[in-house]
Amino acid sequence: MKVRVLVSFKDSVLDPQGQTVQYALHTLGYDFIKNVRQGKVFELELEGISKENAQEIIPQICDKVLTNPIIEKYSWHFLE
């Protein structure tokens, strides 16, 4: 079983890397891009755990290891 976790800054947190990418895109003529937010992707391969247990454990893993809950948010879903 595989899980994909998407992590990004909370909307209220400044994203300097996203702003830099947005500026670069604008200088290349892509003025239609309104905003860029940068993030991280984690793919976890799970073994020996039920889907029900994974649904309980994945948020704990995200809160304790994969994110800084003060400034980041996450979403996740099963790939298989």
PDB file of N, CA and C in Angstrom:
ATOM      1  N   MET A   1       0.850  -1.164   0.000  1.00  0.00           N
ATOM      2  CA  MET A   1       0.000   0.000   0.000  1.00  0.00           C
ATOM      3  C   MET A   1       0.899   1.231   0.000  1.00  0.00           C
ATOM      4  N   LYS A   2       0.528   2.220  -0.795  1.00  0.00           N
ATOM      5  CA  LYS A   2       1.309   3.452  -0.861  1.00  0.00           C
ATOM      6  C   LYS A   2       0.442   4.643  -0.487  1.00  0.00           C
ATOM      7  N   VAL A   3       1.076   5.622   0.142  1.00  0.00           N
ATOM      8  CA  VAL A   3       0.416   6.855   0.552  1.00  0.00           C
ATOM      9  C   VAL A   3       1.232   8.021   0.013  1.00  0.00           C
ATOM     10  N   ARG A   4       0.552   9.016  -0.527  1.00  0.00           N
ATOM     11  CA  ARG A   4       1.223  10.254  -0.961  1.00  0.00           C
ATOM     12  C   ARG A   4       0.783  11.366  -0.023  1.00  0.00           C
ATOM     13  N   VAL A   5       1.780  12.060   0.549  1.00  0.00           N
ATOM     14  CA  VAL A   5       1.532  13.175   1.461  1.00  0.00           C
ATOM     15  C   VAL A   5       2.018  14.447   0.779  1.00  0.00           C
ATOM     16  N   LEU A   6       1.133  15.448   0.702  1.00  0.00           N
ATOM     17  CA  LEU A   6       1.478  16.749   0.131  1.00  0.00           C
ATOM     18  C   LEU A   6       1.561  17.755   1.272  1.00  0.00           C
ATOM     19  N   VAL A   7       2.698  18.451   1.362  1.00  0.00           N
ATOM     20  CA  VAL A   7       2.935  19.412   2.437  1.00  0.00           C
ATOM     21  C   VAL A   7       3.174  20.778   1.812  1.00  0.00           C
ATOM     22  N   SER A   8       2.533  21.802   2.370  1.00  0.00           N
ATOM     23  CA  SER A   8       2.765  23.167   1.904  1.00  0.00           C
ATOM     24  C   SER A   8       2.616  24.119   3.079  1.00  0.00           C
ATOM     25  N   PHE A   9       3.088  25.355   2.875  1.00  0.00           N
ATOM     26  CA  PHE A   9       2.921  26.361   3.914  1.00  0.00           C
ATOM     27  C   PHE A   9       1.445  26.679   4.088  1.00  0.00           C
ATOM     28  N   LYS A  10       1.049  27.006   5.303  1.00  0.00           N
ATOM     29  CA  LYS A  10      -0.311  27.485   5.528  1.00  0.00           C
ATOM     30  C   LYS A  10      -0.497  28.780   4.735  1.00  0.00           C
ATOM     31  N   ASP A  11      -1.737  29.071   4.386  1.00  0.00           N
ATOM     32  CA  ASP A  11      -2.015  30.246   3.559  1.00  0.00           C
ATOM     33  C   ASP A  11      -1.532  31.546   4.196  1.00  0.00           C
ATOM     34  N   SER A  12      -1.496  31.605   5.511  1.00  0.00           N
ATOM     35  CA  SER A  12      -1.096  32.822   6.211  1.00  0.00           C
ATOM     36  C   SER A  12       0.425  32.990   6.308  1.00  0.00           C
ATOM     37  N   VAL A  13       1.191  32.000   5.860  1.00  0.00           N
ATOM     38  CA  VAL A  13       2.657  32.027   5.980  1.00  0.00           C
ATOM     39  C   VAL A  13       3.272  32.472   4.659  1.00  0.00           C
ATOM     40  N   LEU A  14       4.187  33.415   4.731  1.00  0.00           N
ATOM     41  CA  LEU A  14       4.912  33.903   3.565  1.00  0.00           C
ATOM     42  C   LEU A  14       5.713  32.770   2.942  1.00  0.00           C
ATOM     43  N   ASP A  15       5.674  32.681   1.618  1.00  0.00           N
ATOM     44  CA  ASP A  15       6.400  31.637   0.887  1.00  0.00           C
ATOM     45  C   ASP A  15       7.403  32.306  -0.054  1.00  0.00           C
ATOM     46  N   PRO A  16       8.620  32.622   0.440  1.00  0.00           N
ATOM     47  CA  PRO A  16       9.585  33.345  -0.388  1.00  0.00           C
ATOM     48  C   PRO A  16      10.012  32.577  -1.637  1.00  0.00           C
ATOM     49  N   GLN A  17      10.139  31.259  -1.553  1.00  0.00           N
ATOM     50  CA  GLN A  17      10.525  30.490  -2.733  1.00  0.00           C
ATOM     51  C   GLN A  17       9.409  30.525  -3.777  1.00  0.00           C
ATOM     52  N   GLY A  18       8.181  30.414  -3.336  1.00  0.00           N
ATOM     53  CA  GLY A  18       7.053  30.514  -4.251  1.00  0.00           C
ATOM     54  C   GLY A  18       7.004  31.876  -4.923  1.00  0.00           C
ATOM     55  N   GLN A  19       7.273  32.938  -4.163  1.00  0.00           N
ATOM     56  CA  GLN A  19       7.278  34.287  -4.731  1.00  0.00           C
ATOM     57  C   GLN A  19       8.401  34.454  -5.752  1.00  0.00           C
ATOM     58  N   THR A  20       9.556  33.853  -5.488  1.00  0.00           N
ATOM     59  CA  THR A  20      10.677  33.919  -6.428  1.00  0.00           C
ATOM     60  C   THR A  20      10.328  33.215  -7.731  1.00  0.00           C
ATOM     61  N   VAL A  21       9.705  32.059  -7.632  1.00  0.00           N
ATOM     62  CA  VAL A  21       9.296  31.327  -8.837  1.00  0.00           C
ATOM     63  C   VAL A  21       8.242  32.130  -9.595  1.00  0.00           C
ATOM     64  N   GLN A  22       7.299  32.713  -8.886  1.00  0.00           N
ATOM     65  CA  GLN A  22       6.269  33.524  -9.534  1.00  0.00           C
ATOM     66  C   GLN A  22       6.902  34.700 -10.280  1.00  0.00           C
ATOM     67  N   TYR A  23       7.844  35.377  -9.656  1.00  0.00           N
ATOM     68  CA  TYR A  23       8.527  36.491 -10.307  1.00  0.00           C
ATOM     69  C   TYR A  23       9.245  36.016 -11.570  1.00  0.00           C
ATOM     70  N   ALA A  24       9.945  34.886 -11.487  1.00  0.00           N
ATOM     71  CA  ALA A  24      10.648  34.345 -12.660  1.00  0.00           C
ATOM     72  C   ALA A  24       9.670  34.032 -13.785  1.00  0.00           C
ATOM     73  N   LEU A  25       8.545  33.451 -13.442  1.00  0.00           N
ATOM     74  CA  LEU A  25       7.537  33.135 -14.462  1.00  0.00           C
ATOM     75  C   LEU A  25       6.988  34.401 -15.103  1.00  0.00           C
ATOM     76  N   HIS A  26       6.776  35.443 -14.304  1.00  0.00           N
ATOM     77  CA  HIS A  26       6.288  36.708 -14.852  1.00  0.00           C
ATOM     78  C   HIS A  26       7.309  37.332 -15.796  1.00  0.00           C
ATOM     79  N   THR A  27       8.596  37.247 -15.430  1.00  0.00           N
ATOM     80  CA  THR A  27       9.621  37.823 -16.314  1.00  0.00           C
ATOM     81  C   THR A  27       9.735  37.055 -17.620  1.00  0.00           C
ATOM     82  N   LEU A  28       9.281  35.804 -17.628  1.00  0.00           N
ATOM     83  CA  LEU A  28       9.280  35.001 -18.854  1.00  0.00           C
ATOM     84  C   LEU A  28       7.990  35.172 -19.656  1.00  0.00           C
ATOM     85  N   GLY A  29       7.119  36.055 -19.181  1.00  0.00           N
ATOM     86  CA  GLY A  29       5.903  36.349 -19.928  1.00  0.00           C
ATOM     87  C   GLY A  29       4.667  35.596 -19.465  1.00  0.00           C
ATOM     88  N   TYR A  30       4.766  34.834 -18.407  1.00  0.00           N
ATOM     89  CA  TYR A  30       3.615  34.083 -17.908  1.00  0.00           C
ATOM     90  C   TYR A  30       2.860  34.911 -16.867  1.00  0.00           C
ATOM     91  N   ASP A  31       2.363  36.066 -17.297  1.00  0.00           N
ATOM     92  CA  ASP A  31       1.705  37.003 -16.385  1.00  0.00           C
ATOM     93  C   ASP A  31       0.363  36.506 -15.861  1.00  0.00           C
ATOM     94  N   PHE A  32      -0.177  35.484 -16.468  1.00  0.00           N
ATOM     95  CA  PHE A  32      -1.478  34.955 -16.043  1.00  0.00           C
ATOM     96  C   PHE A  32      -1.382  34.137 -14.758  1.00  0.00           C
ATOM     97  N   ILE A  33      -0.175  33.841 -14.294  1.00  0.00           N
ATOM     98  CA  ILE A  33       0.002  33.084 -13.054  1.00  0.00           C
ATOM     99  C   ILE A  33      -0.159  34.044 -11.883  1.00  0.00           C
ATOM    100  N   LYS A  34      -1.191  33.802 -11.093  1.00  0.00           N
ATOM    101  CA  LYS A  34      -1.549  34.704 -10.009  1.00  0.00           C
ATOM    102  C   LYS A  34      -0.723  34.476  -8.754  1.00  0.00           C
ATOM    103  N   ASN A  35      -0.431  33.203  -8.449  1.00  0.00           N
ATOM    104  CA  ASN A  35       0.281  32.899  -7.214  1.00  0.00           C
ATOM    105  C   ASN A  35       0.984  31.552  -7.351  1.00  0.00           C
ATOM    106  N   VAL A  36       2.123  31.407  -6.677  1.00  0.00           N
ATOM    107  CA  VAL A  36       2.860  30.144  -6.651  1.00  0.00           C
ATOM    108  C   VAL A  36       3.148  29.816  -5.194  1.00  0.00           C
ATOM    109  N   ARG A  37       2.819  28.603  -4.799  1.00  0.00           N
ATOM    110  CA  ARG A  37       3.148  28.116  -3.467  1.00  0.00           C
ATOM    111  C   ARG A  37       3.998  26.866  -3.632  1.00  0.00           C
ATOM    112  N   GLN A  38       5.069  26.808  -2.938  1.00  0.00           N
ATOM    113  CA  GLN A  38       6.009  25.698  -3.001  1.00  0.00           C
ATOM    114  C   GLN A  38       5.670  24.689  -1.929  1.00  0.00           C
ATOM    115  N   GLY A  39       5.984  23.430  -2.174  1.00  0.00           N
ATOM    116  CA  GLY A  39       5.682  22.414  -1.182  1.00  0.00           C
ATOM    117  C   GLY A  39       6.588  21.202  -1.304  1.00  0.00           C
ATOM    118  N   LYS A  40       6.225  20.167  -0.580  1.00  0.00           N
ATOM    119  CA  LYS A  40       6.983  18.916  -0.578  1.00  0.00           C
ATOM    120  C   LYS A  40       6.013  17.768  -0.832  1.00  0.00           C
ATOM    121  N   VAL A  41       6.533  16.702  -1.415  1.00  0.00           N
ATOM    122  CA  VAL A  41       5.754  15.488  -1.631  1.00  0.00           C
ATOM    123  C   VAL A  41       6.517  14.321  -1.014  1.00  0.00           C
ATOM    124  N   PHE A  42       5.806  13.524  -0.225  1.00  0.00           N
ATOM    125  CA  PHE A  42       6.373  12.308   0.343  1.00  0.00           C
ATOM    126  C   PHE A  42       5.533  11.139  -0.136  1.00  0.00           C
ATOM    127  N   GLU A  43       6.179  10.077  -0.571  1.00  0.00           N
ATOM    128  CA  GLU A  43       5.481   8.845  -0.899  1.00  0.00           C
ATOM    129  C   GLU A  43       5.958   7.775   0.074  1.00  0.00           C
ATOM    130  N   LEU A  44       5.021   7.247   0.826  1.00  0.00           N
ATOM    131  CA  LEU A  44       5.328   6.249   1.838  1.00  0.00           C
ATOM    132  C   LEU A  44       4.790   4.902   1.382  1.00  0.00           C
ATOM    133  N   GLU A  45       5.634   3.900   1.417  1.00  0.00           N
ATOM    134  CA  GLU A  45       5.190   2.544   1.107  1.00  0.00           C
ATOM    135  C   GLU A  45       4.998   1.813   2.428  1.00  0.00           C
ATOM    136  N   LEU A  46       3.794   1.338   2.659  1.00  0.00           N
ATOM    137  CA  LEU A  46       3.444   0.708   3.927  1.00  0.00           C
ATOM    138  C   LEU A  46       3.332  -0.796   3.764  1.00  0.00           C
ATOM    139  N   GLU A  47       3.711  -1.504   4.820  1.00  0.00           N
ATOM    140  CA  GLU A  47       3.633  -2.961   4.792  1.00  0.00           C
ATOM    141  C   GLU A  47       3.288  -3.443   6.190  1.00  0.00           C
ATOM    142  N   GLY A  48       2.434  -4.426   6.285  1.00  0.00           N
ATOM    143  CA  GLY A  48       2.106  -5.012   7.579  1.00  0.00           C
ATOM    144  C   GLY A  48       1.181  -4.160   8.416  1.00  0.00           C
ATOM    145  N   ILE A  49       0.374  -3.320   7.781  1.00  0.00           N
ATOM    146  CA  ILE A  49      -0.566  -2.458   8.492  1.00  0.00           C
ATOM    147  C   ILE A  49      -1.856  -2.420   7.674  1.00  0.00           C
ATOM    148  N   SER A  50      -2.985  -2.407   8.353  1.00  0.00           N
ATOM    149  CA  SER A  50      -4.259  -2.348   7.642  1.00  0.00           C
ATOM    150  C   SER A  50      -4.529  -0.917   7.178  1.00  0.00           C
ATOM    151  N   LYS A  51      -5.408  -0.789   6.213  1.00  0.00           N
ATOM    152  CA  LYS A  51      -5.779   0.536   5.705  1.00  0.00           C
ATOM    153  C   LYS A  51      -6.414   1.368   6.826  1.00  0.00           C
ATOM    154  N   GLU A  52      -7.200   0.725   7.658  1.00  0.00           N
ATOM    155  CA  GLU A  52      -7.847   1.423   8.771  1.00  0.00           C
ATOM    156  C   GLU A  52      -6.811   1.960   9.763  1.00  0.00           C
ATOM    157  N   ASN A  53      -5.814   1.149  10.090  1.00  0.00           N
ATOM    158  CA  ASN A  53      -4.747   1.611  10.991  1.00  0.00           C
ATOM    159  C   ASN A  53      -3.926   2.713  10.346  1.00  0.00           C
ATOM    160  N   ALA A  54      -3.668   2.575   9.053  1.00  0.00           N
ATOM    161  CA  ALA A  54      -2.908   3.609   8.342  1.00  0.00           C
ATOM    162  C   ALA A  54      -3.633   4.942   8.399  1.00  0.00           C
ATOM    163  N   GLN A  55      -4.958   4.927   8.293  1.00  0.00           N
ATOM    164  CA  GLN A  55      -5.733   6.163   8.350  1.00  0.00           C
ATOM    165  C   GLN A  55      -5.582   6.869   9.688  1.00  0.00           C
ATOM    166  N   GLU A  56      -5.302   6.126  10.728  1.00  0.00           N
ATOM    167  CA  GLU A  56      -5.064   6.711  12.045  1.00  0.00           C
ATOM    168  C   GLU A  56      -3.614   7.146  12.220  1.00  0.00           C
ATOM    169  N   ILE A  57      -2.690   6.374  11.670  1.00  0.00           N
ATOM    170  CA  ILE A  57      -1.261   6.597  11.892  1.00  0.00           C
ATOM    171  C   ILE A  57      -0.688   7.707  11.000  1.00  0.00           C
ATOM    172  N   ILE A  58      -1.132   7.790   9.753  1.00  0.00           N
ATOM    173  CA  ILE A  58      -0.549   8.767   8.815  1.00  0.00           C
ATOM    174  C   ILE A  58      -0.637  10.201   9.350  1.00  0.00           C
ATOM    175  N   PRO A  59      -1.780  10.655   9.872  1.00  0.00           N
ATOM    176  CA  PRO A  59      -1.791  12.016  10.438  1.00  0.00           C
ATOM    177  C   PRO A  59      -0.795  12.208  11.574  1.00  0.00           C
ATOM    178  N   GLN A  60      -0.591  11.176  12.383  1.00  0.00           N
ATOM    179  CA  GLN A  60       0.398  11.274  13.461  1.00  0.00           C
ATOM    180  C   GLN A  60       1.805  11.445  12.890  1.00  0.00           C
ATOM    181  N   ILE A  61       2.120  10.663  11.851  1.00  0.00           N
ATOM    182  CA  ILE A  61       3.426  10.759  11.201  1.00  0.00           C
ATOM    183  C   ILE A  61       3.621  12.150  10.610  1.00  0.00           C
ATOM    184  N   CYS A  62       2.579  12.663   9.976  1.00  0.00           N
ATOM    185  CA  CYS A  62       2.663  13.998   9.379  1.00  0.00           C
ATOM    186  C   CYS A  62       2.912  15.060  10.444  1.00  0.00           C
ATOM    187  N   ASP A  63       2.153  14.985  11.544  1.00  0.00           N
ATOM    188  CA  ASP A  63       2.293  15.987  12.606  1.00  0.00           C
ATOM    189  C   ASP A  63       3.624  15.900  13.335  1.00  0.00           C
ATOM    190  N   LYS A  64       4.157  14.683  13.498  1.00  0.00           N
ATOM    191  CA  LYS A  64       5.372  14.508  14.290  1.00  0.00           C
ATOM    192  C   LYS A  64       6.662  14.602  13.477  1.00  0.00           C
ATOM    193  N   VAL A  65       6.610  14.213  12.184  1.00  0.00           N
ATOM    194  CA  VAL A  65       7.857  14.080  11.434  1.00  0.00           C
ATOM    195  C   VAL A  65       7.871  14.879  10.128  1.00  0.00           C
ATOM    196  N   LEU A  66       6.823  14.772   9.339  1.00  0.00           N
ATOM    197  CA  LEU A  66       6.869  15.310   7.976  1.00  0.00           C
ATOM    198  C   LEU A  66       6.576  16.796   7.876  1.00  0.00           C
ATOM    199  N   THR A  67       5.915  17.372   8.875  1.00  0.00           N
ATOM    200  CA  THR A  67       5.558  18.788   8.797  1.00  0.00           C
ATOM    201  C   THR A  67       5.941  19.529  10.066  1.00  0.00           C
ATOM    202  N   ASN A  68       5.972  20.824   9.933  1.00  0.00           N
ATOM    203  CA  ASN A  68       6.012  21.715  11.084  1.00  0.00           C
ATOM    204  C   ASN A  68       4.585  22.251  11.208  1.00  0.00           C
ATOM    205  N   PRO A  69       3.763  21.697  12.099  1.00  0.00           N
ATOM    206  CA  PRO A  69       2.344  22.045  12.137  1.00  0.00           C
ATOM    207  C   PRO A  69       2.060  23.517  12.424  1.00  0.00           C
ATOM    208  N   ILE A  70       3.037  24.239  12.896  1.00  0.00           N
ATOM    209  CA  ILE A  70       2.839  25.665  13.162  1.00  0.00           C
ATOM    210  C   ILE A  70       2.730  26.438  11.856  1.00  0.00           C
ATOM    211  N   ILE A  71       3.533  26.072  10.848  1.00  0.00           N
ATOM    212  CA  ILE A  71       3.547  26.843   9.605  1.00  0.00           C
ATOM    213  C   ILE A  71       3.137  26.049   8.369  1.00  0.00           C
ATOM    214  N   GLU A  72       2.987  24.726   8.512  1.00  0.00           N
ATOM    215  CA  GLU A  72       2.683  23.902   7.344  1.00  0.00           C
ATOM    216  C   GLU A  72       1.362  23.159   7.517  1.00  0.00           C
ATOM    217  N   LYS A  73       0.755  22.852   6.384  1.00  0.00           N
ATOM    218  CA  LYS A  73      -0.442  22.027   6.350  1.00  0.00           C
ATOM    219  C   LYS A  73      -0.151  20.839   5.445  1.00  0.00           C
ATOM    220  N   TYR A  74      -0.986  19.831   5.523  1.00  0.00           N
ATOM    221  CA  TYR A  74      -0.763  18.645   4.685  1.00  0.00           C
ATOM    222  C   TYR A  74      -2.086  18.036   4.268  1.00  0.00           C
ATOM    223  N   SER A  75      -2.023  17.272   3.209  1.00  0.00           N
ATOM    224  CA  SER A  75      -3.123  16.410   2.815  1.00  0.00           C
ATOM    225  C   SER A  75      -2.474  15.107   2.364  1.00  0.00           C
ATOM    226  N   TRP A  76      -3.253  14.036   2.361  1.00  0.00           N
ATOM    227  CA  TRP A  76      -2.683  12.755   1.973  1.00  0.00           C
ATOM    228  C   TRP A  76      -3.789  11.873   1.398  1.00  0.00           C
ATOM    229  N   HIS A  77      -3.355  10.896   0.605  1.00  0.00           N
ATOM    230  CA  HIS A  77      -4.294   9.939   0.042  1.00  0.00           C
ATOM    231  C   HIS A  77      -3.561   8.649  -0.305  1.00  0.00           C
ATOM    232  N   PHE A  78      -4.330   7.583  -0.370  1.00  0.00           N
ATOM    233  CA  PHE A  78      -3.781   6.297  -0.747  1.00  0.00           C
ATOM    234  C   PHE A  78      -3.584   6.277  -2.266  1.00  0.00           C
ATOM    235  N   LEU A  79      -2.462   5.704  -2.712  1.00  0.00           N
ATOM    236  CA  LEU A  79      -2.198   5.557  -4.137  1.00  0.00           C
ATOM    237  C   LEU A  79      -2.708   4.234  -4.657  1.00  0.00           C
ATOM    238  N   GLU A  80      -2.760   3.233  -3.836  1.00  0.00           N
ATOM    239  CA  GLU A  80      -3.211   1.903  -4.256  1.00  0.00           C
ATOM    240  C   GLU A  80      -4.362   1.447  -3.380  1.00  0.00           C
TER     241      GLU A  80
END
